Amino acid sequence: MNRTPRTENLTRLSSEEARQRIARGESESDWARVNAIPDDEIGADDPDALPMTDEELATAPILRRPGQRGLQKLPTKQRTTLRLSADVLAHFRADGAGWQTRINDALKQWIAEHGER
């Protein structure tokens, strides 16, 4: 079934706004009709609503939200506590996000220039 979405009657709401409208009885949806639909029939005519196969799950890209960390690349970094001068910290933080990586890079450069022990 190929349907063209009707957008002229759509109103975008946040989930909180929708809950508030329902609580005030302002919802224009026919909830009795919606609640009468058996769960196994919801989305049955929508190919995008079908469960993914094992093969689709195995090949699906892993998406992350902005700022969400992914797996660490080798070599794995180690967590430590380091006390730095306020001016050193201010210098690296001045350029924004990634300041810890920039400190790590500066320390690596120092090791490269002065030799490893």
Protein backbone atom coordinates (compact mmCIF):
# COMPACT_ATOMS: atom_id res chain seq x y z
CA MET A 1 0.00 0.00 0.00
CA ASN A 2 1.57 3.28 -1.09
CA ARG A 3 0.05 6.26 0.65
CA THR A 4 0.98 9.88 0.32
CA PRO A 5 1.17 11.43 3.79
CA ARG A 6 -1.37 14.13 4.47
CA THR A 7 0.41 16.94 6.23
CA GLU A 8 -2.25 19.64 6.19
CA ASN A 9 -3.84 18.36 9.42
CA LEU A 10 -0.64 17.58 11.30
CA THR A 11 0.45 19.47 14.40
CA ARG A 12 3.90 18.86 15.85
CA LEU A 13 4.00 18.55 19.64
CA SER A 14 6.57 17.42 22.13
CA SER A 15 5.63 14.32 24.10
CA GLU A 16 5.07 16.52 27.17
CA GLU A 17 2.75 18.86 25.22
CA ALA A 18 0.81 15.84 23.93
CA ARG A 19 0.44 14.43 27.47
CA GLN A 20 -0.80 17.80 28.73
CA ARG A 21 -3.39 18.08 25.93
CA ILE A 22 -4.64 14.55 26.61
CA ALA A 23 -4.85 15.27 30.35
CA ARG A 24 -6.90 18.42 29.64
CA GLY A 25 -9.16 16.48 27.24
CA GLU A 26 -7.99 18.58 24.28
CA SER A 27 -6.77 15.68 22.16
CA GLU A 28 -8.51 15.41 18.79
CA SER A 29 -7.42 11.79 18.33
CA ASP A 30 -9.98 9.01 18.49
CA TRP A 31 -8.23 7.17 21.34
CA ALA A 32 -11.03 4.62 21.72
CA ARG A 33 -10.46 3.57 18.10
CA VAL A 34 -6.68 3.56 18.55
CA ASN A 35 -6.88 1.51 21.75
CA ALA A 36 -9.17 -1.01 20.02
CA ILE A 37 -6.45 -1.94 17.47
CA PRO A 38 -4.68 -5.15 18.55
CA ASP A 39 -0.93 -4.67 19.10
CA ASP A 40 -0.01 -7.19 16.40
CA GLU A 41 -1.94 -5.16 13.80
CA ILE A 42 -0.29 -1.84 14.55
CA GLY A 43 1.99 -1.03 11.65
CA ALA A 44 1.23 -4.32 9.88
CA ASP A 45 0.80 -2.50 6.55
CA ASP A 46 3.98 -0.42 7.03
CA PRO A 47 7.13 -2.18 5.74
CA ASP A 48 9.28 0.17 7.83
CA ALA A 49 7.57 -1.05 11.01
CA LEU A 50 8.45 -4.72 10.46
CA PRO A 51 10.99 -6.25 12.88
CA MET A 52 14.54 -6.40 11.55
CA THR A 53 15.99 -9.77 10.60
CA ASP A 54 19.20 -11.05 12.22
CA GLU A 55 21.04 -10.24 8.98
CA GLU A 56 19.70 -6.66 8.95
CA LEU A 57 20.68 -6.19 12.60
CA ALA A 58 24.19 -7.51 11.91
CA THR A 59 24.75 -5.06 9.04
CA ALA A 60 22.92 -2.04 10.51
CA PRO A 61 25.15 0.98 11.12
CA ILE A 62 25.75 1.87 14.76
CA LEU A 63 24.57 5.42 15.28
CA ARG A 64 25.55 7.61 18.20
CA ARG A 65 24.13 10.84 19.42
CA PRO A 66 26.37 13.92 19.23
CA GLY A 67 28.82 13.83 22.10
CA GLN A 68 28.26 10.14 22.77
CA ARG A 69 31.54 8.25 22.94
CA GLY A 70 32.28 5.29 20.79
CA LEU A 71 34.70 2.44 21.39
CA GLN A 72 38.24 3.48 22.24
CA LYS A 73 40.85 3.00 19.57
CA LEU A 74 43.99 1.09 20.43
CA PRO A 75 46.13 1.77 22.37
CA THR A 76 43.52 2.19 25.07
CA LYS A 77 43.87 5.34 27.12
CA GLN A 78 44.00 5.09 30.89
CA ARG A 79 42.08 7.25 33.32
CA THR A 80 44.18 9.31 35.73
CA THR A 81 43.95 12.37 37.93
CA LEU A 82 46.38 15.14 37.07
CA ARG A 83 46.82 18.49 38.79
CA LEU A 84 47.67 21.28 36.36
CA SER A 85 48.39 24.97 36.79
CA ALA A 86 45.36 27.17 36.24
CA ASP A 87 47.05 28.99 33.34
CA VAL A 88 47.95 25.70 31.59
CA LEU A 89 44.40 24.45 31.98
CA ALA A 90 42.95 27.78 30.78
CA HIS A 91 45.21 27.67 27.71
CA PHE A 92 44.01 24.23 26.60
CA ARG A 93 40.35 24.83 27.51
CA ALA A 94 40.28 28.13 25.59
CA ASP A 95 39.75 26.32 22.28
CA GLY A 96 36.74 24.41 23.61
CA ALA A 97 35.90 20.72 23.35
CA GLY A 98 38.81 18.35 22.90
CA TRP A 99 41.09 20.11 25.40
CA GLN A 100 42.02 16.82 27.09
CA THR A 101 43.05 15.35 23.74
CA ARG A 102 45.15 18.45 23.03
CA ILE A 103 46.95 18.02 26.39
CA ASN A 104 47.56 14.36 25.51
CA ASP A 105 48.94 15.38 22.09
CA ALA A 106 51.24 17.99 23.66
CA LEU A 107 52.60 15.42 26.09
CA LYS A 108 53.17 12.94 23.25
CA GLN A 109 55.03 15.63 21.30
CA TRP A 110 57.23 16.34 24.33
CA ILE A 111 58.06 12.63 24.63
CA ALA A 112 58.90 12.46 20.90
CA GLU A 113 61.23 15.47 21.21
CA HIS A 114 62.92 14.40 24.46
CA GLY A 115 62.97 10.65 23.96
CA GLU A 116 61.21 7.86 25.80
CA ARG A 117 62.65 6.37 28.97
